[in-house]
Amino acid sequence: MIDGTELGPVGQEIVYENDRVRVWHIRLEPGERQPLHRHDHPYLVVAIEGAKNVVQTVDGTRIDADEPTGGVVYRDPGAVHMLTNVGDTTYLARLVELK
């Protein structure tokens, strides 16, 4: 919870987990938004079906995050944000948290 706001999960479903990694399934249709959430672990995002996304941080910063199909991005933990698919294609990804 941040400033009274309940945080959502990192993705829609955990598809694999062990003592070293947790893998999330993320799917966003055009115009769909992931709820505000926090990353407590470093992570990789693997775009299975890329899309034009926008990250909006809790402090209001907007970051364009175009993710091409097959692209891989590493991010450090701590970010509180939401992700919106602003493109016209479905976004499908696996997010791999490193524990």
PDB file of N, CA and C in Angstrom:
ATOM      1  N   MET A   1       0.848  -1.179   0.000  1.00  0.00           N
ATOM      2  CA  MET A   1       0.000   0.000   0.000  1.00  0.00           C
ATOM      3  C   MET A   1       0.894   1.242   0.000  1.00  0.00           C
ATOM      4  N   ILE A   2       0.532   2.212  -0.830  1.00  0.00           N
ATOM      5  CA  ILE A   2       1.270   3.475  -0.905  1.00  0.00           C
ATOM      6  C   ILE A   2       0.274   4.607  -0.796  1.00  0.00           C
ATOM      7  N   ASP A   3       0.465   5.456   0.200  1.00  0.00           N
ATOM      8  CA  ASP A   3      -0.426   6.605   0.403  1.00  0.00           C
ATOM      9  C   ASP A   3      -1.901   6.193   0.368  1.00  0.00           C
ATOM     10  N   GLY A   4      -2.213   5.067   0.987  1.00  0.00           N
ATOM     11  CA  GLY A   4      -3.594   4.595   1.043  1.00  0.00           C
ATOM     12  C   GLY A   4      -4.063   3.856  -0.201  1.00  0.00           C
ATOM     13  N   THR A   5      -3.207   3.736  -1.216  1.00  0.00           N
ATOM     14  CA  THR A   5      -3.570   3.042  -2.442  1.00  0.00           C
ATOM     15  C   THR A   5      -3.098   1.600  -2.382  1.00  0.00           C
ATOM     16  N   GLU A   6      -4.022   0.681  -2.581  1.00  0.00           N
ATOM     17  CA  GLU A   6      -3.699  -0.747  -2.611  1.00  0.00           C
ATOM     18  C   GLU A   6      -2.941  -1.049  -3.896  1.00  0.00           C
ATOM     19  N   LEU A   7      -1.817  -1.744  -3.793  1.00  0.00           N
ATOM     20  CA  LEU A   7      -1.025  -2.098  -4.964  1.00  0.00           C
ATOM     21  C   LEU A   7      -1.494  -3.436  -5.527  1.00  0.00           C
ATOM     22  N   GLY A   8      -1.460  -3.556  -6.842  1.00  0.00           N
ATOM     23  CA  GLY A   8      -1.845  -4.788  -7.503  1.00  0.00           C
ATOM     24  C   GLY A   8      -0.657  -5.716  -7.682  1.00  0.00           C
ATOM     25  N   PRO A   9      -0.901  -6.879  -8.266  1.00  0.00           N
ATOM     26  CA  PRO A   9       0.188  -7.819  -8.533  1.00  0.00           C
ATOM     27  C   PRO A   9       1.038  -7.358  -9.714  1.00  0.00           C
ATOM     28  N   VAL A  10       2.214  -7.934  -9.848  1.00  0.00           N
ATOM     29  CA  VAL A  10       3.149  -7.609 -10.918  1.00  0.00           C
ATOM     30  C   VAL A  10       2.605  -8.052 -12.282  1.00  0.00           C
ATOM     31  N   GLY A  11       1.876  -9.146 -12.312  1.00  0.00           N
ATOM     32  CA  GLY A  11       1.293  -9.676 -13.548  1.00  0.00           C
ATOM     33  C   GLY A  11      -0.046 -10.314 -13.257  1.00  0.00           C
ATOM     34  N   GLN A  12      -0.620 -10.951 -14.267  1.00  0.00           N
ATOM     35  CA  GLN A  12      -1.931 -11.565 -14.073  1.00  0.00           C
ATOM     36  C   GLN A  12      -1.863 -12.959 -13.441  1.00  0.00           C
ATOM     37  N   GLU A  13      -0.750 -13.659 -13.684  1.00  0.00           N
ATOM     38  CA  GLU A  13      -0.667 -15.037 -13.208  1.00  0.00           C
ATOM     39  C   GLU A  13       0.795 -15.448 -13.071  1.00  0.00           C
ATOM     40  N   ILE A  14       1.103 -16.184 -12.003  1.00  0.00           N
ATOM     41  CA  ILE A  14       2.434 -16.769 -11.854  1.00  0.00           C
ATOM     42  C   ILE A  14       2.423 -18.086 -12.617  1.00  0.00           C
ATOM     43  N   VAL A  15       3.334 -18.212 -13.601  1.00  0.00           N
ATOM     44  CA  VAL A  15       3.363 -19.424 -14.415  1.00  0.00           C
ATOM     45  C   VAL A  15       4.482 -20.376 -14.005  1.00  0.00           C
ATOM     46  N   TYR A  16       5.429 -19.879 -13.193  1.00  0.00           N
ATOM     47  CA  TYR A  16       6.503 -20.730 -12.689  1.00  0.00           C
ATOM     48  C   TYR A  16       7.138 -20.033 -11.494  1.00  0.00           C
ATOM     49  N   GLU A  17       7.512 -20.836 -10.493  1.00  0.00           N
ATOM     50  CA  GLU A  17       8.217 -20.268  -9.347  1.00  0.00           C
ATOM     51  C   GLU A  17       9.048 -21.334  -8.668  1.00  0.00           C
ATOM     52  N   ASN A  18      10.269 -20.929  -8.269  1.00  0.00           N
ATOM     53  CA  ASN A  18      11.090 -21.756  -7.394  1.00  0.00           C
ATOM     54  C   ASN A  18      11.810 -20.820  -6.428  1.00  0.00           C
ATOM     55  N   ASP A  19      12.839 -21.300  -5.748  1.00  0.00           N
ATOM     56  CA  ASP A  19      13.498 -20.452  -4.741  1.00  0.00           C
ATOM     57  C   ASP A  19      14.375 -19.357  -5.352  1.00  0.00           C
ATOM     58  N   ARG A  20      14.584 -19.356  -6.665  1.00  0.00           N
ATOM     59  CA  ARG A  20      15.442 -18.352  -7.315  1.00  0.00           C
ATOM     60  C   ARG A  20      14.709 -17.390  -8.243  1.00  0.00           C
ATOM     61  N   VAL A  21      13.606 -17.831  -8.839  1.00  0.00           N
ATOM     62  CA  VAL A  21      12.883 -16.983  -9.793  1.00  0.00           C
ATOM     63  C   VAL A  21      11.375 -17.121  -9.615  1.00  0.00           C
ATOM     64  N   ARG A  22      10.660 -16.106 -10.064  1.00  0.00           N
ATOM     65  CA  ARG A  22       9.198 -16.146 -10.180  1.00  0.00           C
ATOM     66  C   ARG A  22       8.882 -15.594 -11.568  1.00  0.00           C
ATOM     67  N   VAL A  23       8.087 -16.329 -12.341  1.00  0.00           N
ATOM     68  CA  VAL A  23       7.763 -15.913 -13.713  1.00  0.00           C
ATOM     69  C   VAL A  23       6.279 -15.577 -13.792  1.00  0.00           C
ATOM     70  N   TRP A  24       6.001 -14.342 -14.226  1.00  0.00           N
ATOM     71  CA  TRP A  24       4.632 -13.836 -14.362  1.00  0.00           C
ATOM     72  C   TRP A  24       4.213 -13.813 -15.827  1.00  0.00           C
ATOM     73  N   HIS A  25       2.945 -14.074 -16.073  1.00  0.00           N
ATOM     74  CA  HIS A  25       2.313 -13.888 -17.379  1.00  0.00           C
ATOM     75  C   HIS A  25       1.676 -12.505 -17.372  1.00  0.00           C
ATOM     76  N   ILE A  26       1.936 -11.733 -18.435  1.00  0.00           N
ATOM     77  CA  ILE A  26       1.325 -10.410 -18.580  1.00  0.00           C
ATOM     78  C   ILE A  26       0.709 -10.332 -19.973  1.00  0.00           C
ATOM     79  N   ARG A  27      -0.544  -9.930 -20.019  1.00  0.00           N
ATOM     80  CA  ARG A  27      -1.240  -9.731 -21.293  1.00  0.00           C
ATOM     81  C   ARG A  27      -2.068  -8.457 -21.164  1.00  0.00           C
ATOM     82  N   LEU A  28      -1.845  -7.523 -22.086  1.00  0.00           N
ATOM     83  CA  LEU A  28      -2.620  -6.286 -22.110  1.00  0.00           C
ATOM     84  C   LEU A  28      -3.154  -6.064 -23.518  1.00  0.00           C
ATOM     85  N   GLU A  29      -4.445  -5.950 -23.629  1.00  0.00           N
ATOM     86  CA  GLU A  29      -5.066  -5.603 -24.899  1.00  0.00           C
ATOM     87  C   GLU A  29      -4.856  -4.110 -25.152  1.00  0.00           C
ATOM     88  N   PRO A  30      -5.001  -3.649 -26.393  1.00  0.00           N
ATOM     89  CA  PRO A  30      -4.867  -2.216 -26.658  1.00  0.00           C
ATOM     90  C   PRO A  30      -5.762  -1.396 -25.728  1.00  0.00           C
ATOM     91  N   GLY A  31      -5.176  -0.389 -25.095  1.00  0.00           N
ATOM     92  CA  GLY A  31      -5.904   0.468 -24.162  1.00  0.00           C
ATOM     93  C   GLY A  31      -5.998  -0.071 -22.746  1.00  0.00           C
ATOM     94  N   GLU A  32      -5.605  -1.323 -22.530  1.00  0.00           N
ATOM     95  CA  GLU A  32      -5.696  -1.924 -21.198  1.00  0.00           C
ATOM     96  C   GLU A  32      -4.513  -1.500 -20.341  1.00  0.00           C
ATOM     97  N   ARG A  33      -4.757  -1.398 -19.026  1.00  0.00           N
ATOM     98  CA  ARG A  33      -3.753  -0.934 -18.072  1.00  0.00           C
ATOM     99  C   ARG A  33      -3.577  -1.960 -16.957  1.00  0.00           C
ATOM    100  N   GLN A  34      -2.337  -2.170 -16.586  1.00  0.00           N
ATOM    101  CA  GLN A  34      -2.005  -2.973 -15.414  1.00  0.00           C
ATOM    102  C   GLN A  34      -2.182  -2.077 -14.190  1.00  0.00           C
ATOM    103  N   PRO A  35      -2.652  -2.598 -13.065  1.00  0.00           N
ATOM    104  CA  PRO A  35      -2.818  -1.744 -11.891  1.00  0.00           C
ATOM    105  C   PRO A  35      -1.475  -1.267 -11.338  1.00  0.00           C
ATOM    106  N   LEU A  36      -1.527  -0.234 -10.522  1.00  0.00           N
ATOM    107  CA  LEU A  36      -0.343   0.263  -9.840  1.00  0.00           C
ATOM    108  C   LEU A  36       0.261  -0.883  -9.038  1.00  0.00           C
ATOM    109  N   HIS A  37       1.566  -1.104  -9.201  1.00  0.00           N
ATOM    110  CA  HIS A  37       2.243  -2.213  -8.522  1.00  0.00           C
ATOM    111  C   HIS A  37       3.693  -1.840  -8.248  1.00  0.00           C
ATOM    112  N   ARG A  38       4.340  -2.646  -7.403  1.00  0.00           N
ATOM    113  CA  ARG A  38       5.743  -2.406  -7.037  1.00  0.00           C
ATOM    114  C   ARG A  38       6.566  -3.652  -7.351  1.00  0.00           C
ATOM    115  N   HIS A  39       7.775  -3.422  -7.812  1.00  0.00           N
ATOM    116  CA  HIS A  39       8.724  -4.509  -8.057  1.00  0.00           C
ATOM    117  C   HIS A  39       9.696  -4.572  -6.888  1.00  0.00           C
ATOM    118  N   ASP A  40       9.626  -5.662  -6.130  1.00  0.00           N
ATOM    119  CA  ASP A  40      10.497  -5.842  -4.968  1.00  0.00           C
ATOM    120  C   ASP A  40      11.782  -6.591  -5.310  1.00  0.00           C
ATOM    121  N   HIS A  41      11.877  -7.102  -6.523  1.00  0.00           N
ATOM    122  CA  HIS A  41      13.047  -7.865  -6.968  1.00  0.00           C
ATOM    123  C   HIS A  41      13.515  -7.324  -8.323  1.00  0.00           C
ATOM    124  N   PRO A  42      14.810  -7.470  -8.645  1.00  0.00           N
ATOM    125  CA  PRO A  42      15.232  -7.164 -10.011  1.00  0.00           C
ATOM    126  C   PRO A  42      14.502  -8.114 -10.955  1.00  0.00           C
ATOM    127  N   TYR A  43      14.313  -7.668 -12.204  1.00  0.00           N
ATOM    128  CA  TYR A  43      13.524  -8.502 -13.110  1.00  0.00           C
ATOM    129  C   TYR A  43      13.877  -8.268 -14.571  1.00  0.00           C
ATOM    130  N   LEU A  44      13.527  -9.276 -15.375  1.00  0.00           N
ATOM    131  CA  LEU A  44      13.633  -9.221 -16.827  1.00  0.00           C
ATOM    132  C   LEU A  44      12.231  -9.266 -17.404  1.00  0.00           C
ATOM    133  N   VAL A  45      12.006  -8.512 -18.472  1.00  0.00           N
ATOM    134  CA  VAL A  45      10.749  -8.593 -19.210  1.00  0.00           C
ATOM    135  C   VAL A  45      11.085  -9.126 -20.596  1.00  0.00           C
ATOM    136  N   VAL A  46      10.421 -10.215 -20.984  1.00  0.00           N
ATOM    137  CA  VAL A  46      10.594 -10.814 -22.300  1.00  0.00           C
ATOM    138  C   VAL A  46       9.295 -10.606 -23.061  1.00  0.00           C
ATOM    139  N   ALA A  47       9.348  -9.808 -24.119  1.00  0.00           N
ATOM    140  CA  ALA A  47       8.150  -9.509 -24.908  1.00  0.00           C
ATOM    141  C   ALA A  47       7.911 -10.631 -25.920  1.00  0.00           C
ATOM    142  N   ILE A  48       6.864 -11.397 -25.707  1.00  0.00           N
ATOM    143  CA  ILE A  48       6.508 -12.470 -26.629  1.00  0.00           C
ATOM    144  C   ILE A  48       5.765 -11.881 -27.832  1.00  0.00           C
ATOM    145  N   GLU A  49       4.866 -10.961 -27.554  1.00  0.00           N
ATOM    146  CA  GLU A  49       4.203 -10.155 -28.580  1.00  0.00           C
ATOM    147  C   GLU A  49       4.356  -8.707 -28.145  1.00  0.00           C
ATOM    148  N   GLY A  50       5.190  -7.974 -28.846  1.00  0.00           N
ATOM    149  CA  GLY A  50       5.501  -6.618 -28.450  1.00  0.00           C
ATOM    150  C   GLY A  50       4.358  -5.647 -28.686  1.00  0.00           C
ATOM    151  N   ALA A  51       4.468  -4.478 -28.044  1.00  0.00           N
ATOM    152  CA  ALA A  51       3.461  -3.423 -28.181  1.00  0.00           C
ATOM    153  C   ALA A  51       4.080  -2.092 -27.786  1.00  0.00           C
ATOM    154  N   LYS A  52       3.331  -1.047 -28.049  1.00  0.00           N
ATOM    155  CA  LYS A  52       3.734   0.291 -27.628  1.00  0.00           C
ATOM    156  C   LYS A  52       3.117   0.530 -26.257  1.00  0.00           C
ATOM    157  N   ASN A  53       3.959   0.611 -25.239  1.00  0.00           N
ATOM    158  CA  ASN A  53       3.499   0.757 -23.860  1.00  0.00           C
ATOM    159  C   ASN A  53       3.968   2.073 -23.263  1.00  0.00           C
ATOM    160  N   VAL A  54       3.278   2.488 -22.220  1.00  0.00           N
ATOM    161  CA  VAL A  54       3.676   3.658 -21.443  1.00  0.00           C
ATOM    162  C   VAL A  54       3.714   3.248 -19.981  1.00  0.00           C
ATOM    163  N   VAL A  55       4.807   3.597 -19.306  1.00  0.00           N
ATOM    164  CA  VAL A  55       4.943   3.391 -17.868  1.00  0.00           C
ATOM    165  C   VAL A  55       4.645   4.728 -17.203  1.00  0.00           C
ATOM    166  N   GLN A  56       3.761   4.700 -16.216  1.00  0.00           N
ATOM    167  CA  GLN A  56       3.510   5.909 -15.427  1.00  0.00           C
ATOM    168  C   GLN A  56       3.862   5.592 -13.988  1.00  0.00           C
ATOM    169  N   THR A  57       4.843   6.353 -13.449  1.00  0.00           N
ATOM    170  CA  THR A  57       5.300   6.109 -12.092  1.00  0.00           C
ATOM    171  C   THR A  57       4.352   6.748 -11.086  1.00  0.00           C
ATOM    172  N   VAL A  58       4.501   6.351  -9.835  1.00  0.00           N
ATOM    173  CA  VAL A  58       3.637   6.843  -8.773  1.00  0.00           C
ATOM    174  C   VAL A  58       3.757   8.357  -8.606  1.00  0.00           C
ATOM    175  N   ASP A  59       4.901   8.923  -8.985  1.00  0.00           N
ATOM    176  CA  ASP A  59       5.069  10.379  -8.877  1.00  0.00           C
ATOM    177  C   ASP A  59       4.605  11.132 -10.127  1.00  0.00           C
ATOM    178  N   GLY A  60       4.012  10.407 -11.095  1.00  0.00           N
ATOM    179  CA  GLY A  60       3.446  11.052 -12.275  1.00  0.00           C
ATOM    180  C   GLY A  60       4.350  11.089 -13.488  1.00  0.00           C
ATOM    181  N   THR A  61       5.565  10.571 -13.386  1.00  0.00           N
ATOM    182  CA  THR A  61       6.467  10.540 -14.535  1.00  0.00           C
ATOM    183  C   THR A  61       5.949   9.560 -15.579  1.00  0.00           C
ATOM    184  N   ARG A  62       5.959   9.983 -16.845  1.00  0.00           N
ATOM    185  CA  ARG A  62       5.511   9.145 -17.960  1.00  0.00           C
ATOM    186  C   ARG A  62       6.734   8.742 -18.778  1.00  0.00           C
ATOM    187  N   ILE A  63       6.861   7.430 -19.028  1.00  0.00           N
ATOM    188  CA  ILE A  63       8.000   6.893 -19.764  1.00  0.00           C
ATOM    189  C   ILE A  63       7.470   6.054 -20.928  1.00  0.00           C
ATOM    190  N   ASP A  64       7.845   6.415 -22.161  1.00  0.00           N
ATOM    191  CA  ASP A  64       7.491   5.588 -23.309  1.00  0.00           C
ATOM    192  C   ASP A  64       8.290   4.303 -23.238  1.00  0.00           C
ATOM    193  N   ALA A  65       7.615   3.181 -23.382  1.00  0.00           N
ATOM    194  CA  ALA A  65       8.273   1.880 -23.253  1.00  0.00           C
ATOM    195  C   ALA A  65       7.859   0.978 -24.410  1.00  0.00           C
ATOM    196  N   ASP A  66       8.316   1.335 -25.603  1.00  0.00           N
ATOM    197  CA  ASP A  66       8.057   0.469 -26.750  1.00  0.00           C
ATOM    198  C   ASP A  66       8.802  -0.839 -26.538  1.00  0.00           C
ATOM    199  N   GLU A  67       8.098  -1.942 -26.654  1.00  0.00           N
ATOM    200  CA  GLU A  67       8.708  -3.248 -26.442  1.00  0.00           C
ATOM    201  C   GLU A  67       8.495  -4.087 -27.689  1.00  0.00           C
ATOM    202  N   PRO A  68       9.537  -4.261 -28.499  1.00  0.00           N
ATOM    203  CA  PRO A  68       9.389  -5.047 -29.722  1.00  0.00           C
ATOM    204  C   PRO A  68       9.264  -6.539 -29.417  1.00  0.00           C
ATOM    205  N   THR A  69       8.596  -7.260 -30.288  1.00  0.00           N
ATOM    206  CA  THR A  69       8.482  -8.709 -30.144  1.00  0.00           C
ATOM    207  C   THR A  69       9.881  -9.315 -30.063  1.00  0.00           C
ATOM    208  N   GLY A  70      10.096 -10.155 -29.054  1.00  0.00           N
ATOM    209  CA  GLY A  70      11.388 -10.801 -28.846  1.00  0.00           C
ATOM    210  C   GLY A  70      12.357  -9.981 -28.018  1.00  0.00           C
ATOM    211  N   GLY A  71      11.998  -8.741 -27.691  1.00  0.00           N
ATOM    212  CA  GLY A  71      12.881  -7.883 -26.912  1.00  0.00           C
ATOM    213  C   GLY A  71      12.967  -8.335 -25.460  1.00  0.00           C
ATOM    214  N   VAL A  72      14.103  -8.039 -24.837  1.00  0.00           N
ATOM    215  CA  VAL A  72      14.333  -8.355 -23.429  1.00  0.00           C
ATOM    216  C   VAL A  72      14.849  -7.094 -22.744  1.00  0.00           C
ATOM    217  N   VAL A  73      14.278  -6.779 -21.594  1.00  0.00           N
ATOM    218  CA  VAL A  73      14.670  -5.594 -20.836  1.00  0.00           C
ATOM    219  C   VAL A  73      14.946  -6.011 -19.394  1.00  0.00           C
ATOM    220  N   TYR A  74      16.043  -5.487 -18.806  1.00  0.00           N
ATOM    221  CA  TYR A  74      16.341  -5.694 -17.386  1.00  0.00           C
ATOM    222  C   TYR A  74      15.973  -4.428 -16.626  1.00  0.00           C
ATOM    223  N   ARG A  75      15.368  -4.592 -15.437  1.00  0.00           N
ATOM    224  CA  ARG A  75      15.032  -3.438 -14.608  1.00  0.00           C
ATOM    225  C   ARG A  75      15.384  -3.747 -13.150  1.00  0.00           C
ATOM    226  N   ASP A  76      15.853  -2.705 -12.454  1.00  0.00           N
ATOM    227  CA  ASP A  76      16.154  -2.815 -11.032  1.00  0.00           C
ATOM    228  C   ASP A  76      14.861  -2.777 -10.215  1.00  0.00           C
ATOM    229  N   PRO A  77      14.890  -3.301  -8.978  1.00  0.00           N
ATOM    230  CA  PRO A  77      13.688  -3.287  -8.135  1.00  0.00           C
ATOM    231  C   PRO A  77      13.377  -1.896  -7.599  1.00  0.00           C
ATOM    232  N   GLY A  78      12.212  -1.795  -6.972  1.00  0.00           N
ATOM    233  CA  GLY A  78      11.837  -0.582  -6.272  1.00  0.00           C
ATOM    234  C   GLY A  78      10.818   0.275  -6.979  1.00  0.00           C
ATOM    235  N   ALA A  79      10.668   0.101  -8.284  1.00  0.00           N
ATOM    236  CA  ALA A  79       9.747   0.949  -9.038  1.00  0.00           C
ATOM    237  C   ALA A  79       8.296   0.685  -8.651  1.00  0.00           C
ATOM    238  N   VAL A  80       7.543   1.778  -8.474  1.00  0.00           N
ATOM    239  CA  VAL A  80       6.096   1.692  -8.283  1.00  0.00           C
ATOM    240  C   VAL A  80       5.477   2.397  -9.484  1.00  0.00           C
ATOM    241  N   HIS A  81       4.738   1.639 -10.280  1.00  0.00           N
ATOM    242  CA  HIS A  81       4.197   2.202 -11.513  1.00  0.00           C
ATOM    243  C   HIS A  81       3.023   1.385 -12.032  1.00  0.00           C
ATOM    244  N   MET A  82       2.419   1.877 -13.109  1.00  0.00           N
ATOM    245  CA  MET A  82       1.458   1.084 -13.847  1.00  0.00           C
ATOM    246  C   MET A  82       1.872   1.099 -15.309  1.00  0.00           C
ATOM    247  N   LEU A  83       1.457   0.085 -16.038  1.00  0.00           N
ATOM    248  CA  LEU A  83       1.812  -0.070 -17.439  1.00  0.00           C
ATOM    249  C   LEU A  83       0.540  -0.040 -18.261  1.00  0.00           C
ATOM    250  N   THR A  84       0.540   0.759 -19.340  1.00  0.00           N
ATOM    251  CA  THR A  84      -0.615   0.864 -20.222  1.00  0.00           C
ATOM    252  C   THR A  84      -0.190   0.543 -21.645  1.00  0.00           C
ATOM    253  N   ASN A  85      -0.959  -0.304 -22.307  1.00  0.00           N
ATOM    254  CA  ASN A  85      -0.736  -0.598 -23.722  1.00  0.00           C
ATOM    255  C   ASN A  85      -1.433   0.500 -24.519  1.00  0.00           C
ATOM    256  N   VAL A  86      -0.655   1.426 -25.081  1.00  0.00           N
ATOM    257  CA  VAL A  86      -1.221   2.549 -25.839  1.00  0.00           C
ATOM    258  C   VAL A  86      -1.199   2.274 -27.344  1.00  0.00           C
ATOM    259  N   GLY A  87      -0.744   1.094 -27.731  1.00  0.00           N
ATOM    260  CA  GLY A  87      -0.681   0.734 -29.148  1.00  0.00           C
ATOM    261  C   GLY A  87      -1.969   0.086 -29.623  1.00  0.00           C
ATOM    262  N   ASP A  88      -1.880  -0.515 -30.793  1.00  0.00           N
ATOM    263  CA  ASP A  88      -3.067  -1.156 -31.371  1.00  0.00           C
ATOM    264  C   ASP A  88      -2.895  -2.662 -31.531  1.00  0.00           C
ATOM    265  N   THR A  89      -1.898  -3.224 -30.815  1.00  0.00           N
ATOM    266  CA  THR A  89      -1.690  -4.674 -30.822  1.00  0.00           C
ATOM    267  C   THR A  89      -1.712  -5.195 -29.387  1.00  0.00           C
ATOM    268  N   THR A  90      -2.012  -6.464 -29.230  1.00  0.00           N
ATOM    269  CA  THR A  90      -1.992  -7.106 -27.918  1.00  0.00           C
ATOM    270  C   THR A  90      -0.549  -7.233 -27.437  1.00  0.00           C
ATOM    271  N   TYR A  91      -0.329  -6.931 -26.162  1.00  0.00           N
ATOM    272  CA  TYR A  91       0.989  -7.086 -25.538  1.00  0.00           C
ATOM    273  C   TYR A  91       0.972  -8.367 -24.727  1.00  0.00           C
ATOM    274  N   LEU A  92       1.961  -9.222 -24.982  1.00  0.00           N
ATOM    275  CA  LEU A  92       2.084 -10.478 -24.253  1.00  0.00           C
ATOM    276  C   LEU A  92       3.539 -10.615 -23.827  1.00  0.00           C
ATOM    277  N   ALA A  93       3.758 -10.840 -22.531  1.00  0.00           N
ATOM    278  CA  ALA A  93       5.135 -10.903 -22.021  1.00  0.00           C
ATOM    279  C   ALA A  93       5.242 -11.884 -20.862  1.00  0.00           C
ATOM    280  N   ARG A  94       6.476 -12.258 -20.583  1.00  0.00           N
ATOM    281  CA  ARG A  94       6.840 -12.983 -19.371  1.00  0.00           C
ATOM    282  C   ARG A  94       7.770 -12.067 -18.591  1.00  0.00           C
ATOM    283  N   LEU A  95       7.462 -11.874 -17.324  1.00  0.00           N
ATOM    284  CA  LEU A  95       8.287 -11.076 -16.435  1.00  0.00           C
ATOM    285  C   LEU A  95       8.957 -12.049 -15.466  1.00  0.00           C
ATOM    286  N   VAL A  96      10.269 -12.040 -15.441  1.00  0.00           N
ATOM    287  CA  VAL A  96      11.034 -12.981 -14.624  1.00  0.00           C
ATOM    288  C   VAL A  96      11.664 -12.225 -13.471  1.00  0.00           C
ATOM    289  N   GLU A  97      11.146 -12.435 -12.256  1.00  0.00           N
ATOM    290  CA  GLU A  97      11.711 -11.815 -11.054  1.00  0.00           C
ATOM    291  C   GLU A  97      12.872 -12.680 -10.572  1.00  0.00           C
ATOM    292  N   LEU A  98      13.988 -12.044 -10.263  1.00  0.00           N
ATOM    293  CA  LEU A  98      15.157 -12.735  -9.730  1.00  0.00           C
ATOM    294  C   LEU A  98      15.165 -12.564  -8.225  1.00  0.00           C
ATOM    295  N   LYS A  99      14.987 -13.654  -7.503  1.00  0.00           N
ATOM    296  CA  LYS A  99      14.886 -13.577  -6.045  1.00  0.00           C
ATOM    297  C   LYS A  99      16.249 -13.485  -5.390  1.00  0.00           C
TER     298      LYS A  99
END
